[in-house]
Protein backbone atom coordinates (compact mmCIF):
# COMPACT_ATOMS: atom_id res chain seq x y z
CA MET A 1 192.01 -48.44 68.73
CA SER A 2 192.19 -50.55 65.60
CA THR A 3 195.47 -52.38 65.14
CA THR A 4 195.47 -51.74 61.38
CA PHE A 5 193.76 -48.36 61.12
CA ARG A 6 195.85 -46.56 63.72
CA LYS A 7 196.56 -42.86 63.77
CA ASP A 8 200.22 -43.50 62.93
CA ALA A 9 199.62 -46.23 60.32
CA ASP A 10 201.02 -45.40 56.88
CA LEU A 11 198.26 -46.84 54.72
CA LEU A 12 198.35 -44.30 51.88
CA ALA A 13 202.02 -43.51 51.33
CA GLY A 14 202.47 -40.74 53.85
CA GLU A 15 198.94 -39.30 53.66
CA GLN A 16 197.58 -38.63 57.12
CA PRO A 17 194.10 -39.86 58.17
CA ASP A 18 191.53 -37.09 58.45
CA THR A 19 188.50 -38.88 59.91
CA VAL A 20 187.80 -41.36 62.69
CA LEU A 21 185.13 -44.03 62.45
CA LEU A 22 183.94 -45.18 65.86
CA SER A 23 182.44 -48.66 65.91
CA ALA A 24 179.37 -49.64 67.93
CA ASP A 25 181.67 -51.20 70.53
CA ASN A 26 183.84 -48.05 70.77
CA VAL A 27 186.86 -49.04 68.67
CA ALA A 28 188.42 -46.11 66.78
CA PHE A 29 189.47 -46.52 63.13
CA TYR A 30 191.58 -43.71 61.65
CA VAL A 31 190.73 -43.43 57.96
CA HIS A 32 191.16 -41.26 54.87
CA SER A 33 187.87 -39.76 53.71
CA ASN A 34 189.07 -39.47 50.11
CA ARG A 35 189.83 -43.22 50.00
CA LEU A 36 186.37 -44.06 51.31
CA ARG A 37 184.69 -41.71 48.85
CA ALA A 38 186.59 -43.34 46.01
CA ALA A 39 185.39 -46.80 47.07
CA SER A 40 181.79 -45.82 47.82
CA THR A 41 179.13 -44.69 45.35
CA ASN A 42 177.10 -42.92 48.05
CA ALA A 43 179.81 -41.20 50.14
CA LEU A 44 179.56 -43.88 52.82
CA CYS A 45 175.76 -43.67 52.98
CA GLY A 46 175.96 -39.87 53.03
CA LEU A 47 178.19 -39.68 56.09
CA LEU A 48 181.03 -38.15 54.09
CA VAL A 49 178.94 -35.57 52.24
CA PRO A 50 180.25 -32.06 53.05
CA GLY A 51 178.02 -30.44 55.63
CA ALA A 52 176.37 -33.70 56.66
CA GLU A 53 175.58 -33.99 60.34
CA ARG A 54 178.29 -35.84 62.24
CA THR A 55 178.30 -37.24 65.72
CA ARG A 56 181.42 -36.06 67.54
CA PRO A 57 182.29 -37.55 70.93
CA ARG A 58 183.94 -35.23 73.44
CA THR A 59 187.64 -34.88 72.74
CA SER A 60 188.42 -35.00 76.43
CA SER A 61 186.72 -38.39 76.72
CA PHE A 62 188.12 -40.04 73.61
CA GLY A 63 191.38 -38.22 73.02
CA ILE A 64 190.47 -37.68 69.35
CA ASP A 65 191.10 -34.40 67.55
CA LEU A 66 189.55 -35.34 64.19
CA PRO A 67 185.95 -35.49 62.97
CA VAL A 68 184.36 -38.65 64.30
CA LEU A 69 181.60 -40.68 62.66
CA VAL A 70 179.76 -43.09 64.92
CA MET A 71 179.10 -46.22 62.90
CA PRO A 72 176.34 -48.83 63.37
CA ASP A 73 178.73 -51.78 62.88
CA ASP A 74 180.74 -53.53 65.57
CA SER A 75 184.52 -53.54 65.26
CA ASN A 76 184.73 -57.04 63.69
CA VAL A 77 182.44 -56.05 60.84
CA LEU A 78 183.81 -52.53 60.42
CA ASN A 79 187.35 -53.89 60.28
CA ILE A 80 186.41 -56.14 57.33
CA VAL A 81 184.47 -53.33 55.65
CA LEU A 82 187.48 -51.02 55.79
CA HIS A 83 189.92 -53.69 54.67
CA ALA A 84 187.70 -54.25 51.64
CA MET A 85 187.48 -50.54 50.86
CA TYR A 86 191.23 -50.11 51.18
CA GLY A 87 192.02 -53.31 49.29
CA LEU A 88 193.83 -54.86 52.25
CA ASP A 89 193.99 -58.54 53.23
CA ALA A 90 191.90 -59.34 56.30
CA THR A 91 192.54 -63.09 56.46
CA ARG A 92 195.20 -62.67 59.16
CA TYR A 93 192.37 -61.83 61.56
CA ASN A 94 190.62 -65.14 60.81
CA PRO A 95 187.21 -63.44 60.66
CA PRO A 96 184.21 -65.73 61.26
CA PHE A 97 181.74 -66.27 58.44
CA GLU A 98 179.03 -64.28 60.25
CA ALA A 99 181.24 -61.18 60.36
CA VAL A 100 182.23 -61.50 56.70
CA SER A 101 178.62 -62.04 55.65
CA ARG A 102 177.46 -58.99 57.61
CA ALA A 103 180.29 -56.96 56.08
CA VAL A 104 179.11 -57.94 52.60
CA VAL A 105 175.56 -56.82 53.44
CA ALA A 106 176.86 -53.52 54.84
CA LEU A 107 179.12 -52.85 51.86
CA THR A 108 176.50 -53.61 49.22
CA GLY A 109 173.35 -52.48 50.98
CA ILE A 110 174.51 -49.48 53.01
CA TYR A 111 177.89 -48.13 51.93
CA GLY A 112 177.46 -48.31 48.18
CA VAL A 113 180.48 -50.42 47.28
CA PRO A 114 179.99 -52.22 43.92
CA ILE A 115 179.76 -56.00 44.03
CA SER A 116 182.47 -56.24 41.38
CA THR A 117 184.86 -54.49 43.77
CA ILE A 118 183.91 -56.53 46.83
CA PHE A 119 184.26 -59.87 45.09
CA SER A 120 187.39 -59.16 43.11
CA PRO A 121 189.84 -62.06 43.66
CA VAL A 122 192.32 -59.58 45.16
CA ASN A 123 189.85 -58.12 47.65
CA ALA A 124 189.77 -58.81 51.39
CA ILE A 125 186.21 -60.15 51.27
CA TYR A 126 186.95 -62.62 48.50
CA ASN A 127 190.11 -63.88 50.20
CA ALA A 128 188.36 -64.29 53.54
CA LEU A 129 185.50 -66.25 51.97
CA GLU A 130 187.91 -68.47 50.04
CA SER A 131 189.64 -69.40 53.29
CA LEU A 132 186.27 -70.07 54.97
CA ALA A 133 185.13 -72.35 52.14
CA VAL A 134 187.23 -75.17 53.58
CA SER A 135 185.32 -75.30 56.88
CA GLN A 136 181.93 -73.87 55.80
CA PRO A 137 181.56 -74.68 52.10
CA LEU A 138 177.77 -74.64 51.90
CA ARG A 139 177.44 -71.20 53.51
CA VAL A 140 180.13 -69.77 51.24
CA TYR A 141 178.58 -71.44 48.18
CA ALA A 142 175.14 -70.08 49.09
CA LEU A 143 176.52 -66.57 49.50
CA ALA A 144 178.39 -66.84 46.20
CA GLY A 145 175.21 -68.01 44.51
CA HIS A 146 173.17 -65.20 46.06
CA TYR A 147 175.52 -62.58 44.61
CA GLY A 148 176.30 -64.51 41.43
CA ILE A 149 180.02 -64.86 42.07
CA GLU A 150 180.97 -67.68 39.73
CA SER A 151 184.61 -68.20 40.71
CA LEU A 152 183.87 -68.25 44.43
CA ALA A 153 181.04 -70.75 43.91
CA VAL A 154 183.40 -73.02 41.97
CA THR A 155 185.95 -72.87 44.77
CA ALA A 156 183.35 -73.66 47.46
CA SER A 157 181.74 -76.45 45.40
CA SER A 158 185.00 -78.42 45.40
CA TYR A 159 184.48 -78.90 49.16
CA LEU A 160 180.85 -79.99 48.69
CA LEU A 161 181.50 -83.14 46.68
CA SER A 162 180.68 -85.39 49.63
CA TYR A 163 178.09 -83.08 51.21
CA PRO A 164 174.68 -84.78 51.68
CA LEU A 165 172.28 -82.81 49.53
CA SER A 166 169.42 -83.77 51.84
CA ARG A 167 170.94 -81.48 54.47
CA ILE A 168 170.38 -78.35 52.36
CA SER A 169 167.66 -76.39 54.13
CA ASP A 170 164.87 -74.48 52.41
CA GLU A 171 166.49 -71.25 53.60
CA ASP A 172 169.85 -72.18 52.05
CA ALA A 173 168.17 -73.20 48.79
CA GLU A 174 166.20 -69.98 48.57
CA TYR A 175 169.23 -67.85 49.45
CA MET A 176 171.56 -69.35 46.85
CA GLY A 177 168.84 -69.30 44.20
CA GLY A 178 167.53 -71.91 41.77
CA ARG A 179 170.42 -71.61 39.33
CA TYR A 180 173.14 -72.44 41.84
CA LEU A 181 171.02 -75.06 43.59
CA ARG A 182 170.56 -76.81 40.26
CA ARG A 183 174.28 -76.63 39.54
CA LEU A 184 175.10 -78.20 42.89
CA PHE A 185 172.68 -81.09 42.28
CA PHE A 186 174.01 -81.64 38.77
CA LEU A 187 177.54 -81.61 40.12
CA HIS A 188 176.65 -84.56 42.35
CA LEU A 189 174.61 -86.36 39.70
CA GLY A 190 177.33 -85.91 37.10
CA ARG A 191 179.95 -87.39 39.40
CA ILE A 192 177.72 -90.37 40.16
CA ASP A 193 177.11 -90.99 36.46
CA ARG A 194 180.83 -90.79 35.78
CA LEU A 195 181.52 -93.22 38.61
CA LYS A 196 178.96 -95.66 37.24
CA GLY A 197 180.52 -95.42 33.81
CA LEU A 198 183.95 -96.25 35.18
CA LEU A 199 182.79 -99.12 37.39
CA ASN A 200 180.52 -100.71 34.81
CA ARG A 201 183.48 -101.26 32.50
CA PRO A 202 185.33 -104.45 33.44
CA PRO A 203 189.13 -104.58 33.32
CA ASP A 204 190.58 -104.96 29.84
CA PRO A 205 191.61 -108.57 29.08
CA HIS A 206 195.28 -109.42 28.97
CA PRO A 207 197.13 -112.03 26.92
CA VAL A 208 196.48 -115.61 28.02
CA THR A 209 199.04 -117.05 30.42
CA GLN A 210 199.45 -120.40 32.13
CA MET A 211 198.16 -118.83 35.35
CA CYS A 212 195.18 -117.03 33.80
CA ASP A 213 193.28 -118.35 30.78
CA PRO A 214 190.09 -116.89 29.21
CA GLU A 215 187.89 -118.80 31.66
CA ASP A 216 189.78 -117.29 34.60
CA GLN A 217 189.32 -113.83 33.14
CA LYS A 218 185.57 -114.42 32.84
CA LYS A 219 185.49 -115.27 36.53
CA VAL A 220 187.33 -112.03 37.34
CA ASN A 221 184.82 -110.07 35.24
CA ARG A 222 181.89 -111.71 37.04
CA ALA A 223 183.47 -110.87 40.39
CA TRP A 224 184.06 -107.31 39.20
CA ALA A 225 180.43 -106.94 38.12
CA LEU A 226 179.20 -108.29 41.45
CA GLY A 227 181.43 -106.01 43.49
CA THR A 228 180.83 -102.85 41.49
CA SER A 229 177.06 -103.33 41.44
CA PHE A 230 177.09 -102.90 45.22
CA LEU A 231 179.17 -99.73 44.93
CA VAL A 232 176.96 -98.30 42.18
CA PHE A 233 173.80 -99.02 44.17
CA ASN A 234 175.16 -97.23 47.26
CA ALA A 235 176.48 -94.30 45.20
CA ALA A 236 173.00 -93.67 43.84
C-alpha cells in the first residue's frame, strides 16, 4: 500500500477515498475520483468515465472493497503522477529523474493533465525537477526546453555554466529544441565575451608613489596583458 495514498489518509479534509489505483507492481493507491477528474481533461484516459470497463481484482486476494483500476505505471511513476494531480510535494521521496520524466509523459500524453498545471512552481513535478537540476542539469534543461518551461530552464542553466557544450548529444539537442540549444550556447558565449572584456582592461592607475612610479605601472600593465591573454585564449 502507498504510504501517502493510504485508505486512512486524510488528503481531502475528511472526504473518504472511493477508488483504488493498482500499480503495475501491485501497490495500492487509495484516491478520490472527483479530485482526479478535476485534474484531468480526459477522465484519467477514460478510466473514470461512468460505465467504463474496470478491472477489479478479487476482494479476497487484495482485501479491497472499492472499485479498482489496474494502471500501466509502476508505483514510482504512479506516486509522482498522483502527487502532481493532488498538488502534493513529492521531493521527500527523492524520485530519480527517469521516474519524474516518465510521470511527465504519462500526465501530458495519457492522463490529460495540462502542462501549465504540471509545471506550476508549486507542483510536485516542478519541485522534483528543480531539486534534480543540481545533479542532472542538462537532462532537466532539455526537458524544460522540450516543454517550453522558461523558469525551469533558467534554474537548470545556472548549473550548466561550466558544462562542456561538446558533450551535448544529438539526441539531447533534438529533444530540447533549437531555441533552447541556441540559448545555452549564447549563455556560454556571452559569459566568455564578458570575461574577455573584464580581463582586457588593465587595472586603473593610482597616484605616483616612491615605491611605484609611472614606469612601474607600465610594467604591471604589461604583466597583466601577458597573464590575461593566456586566460582569454583558454576561455575561448
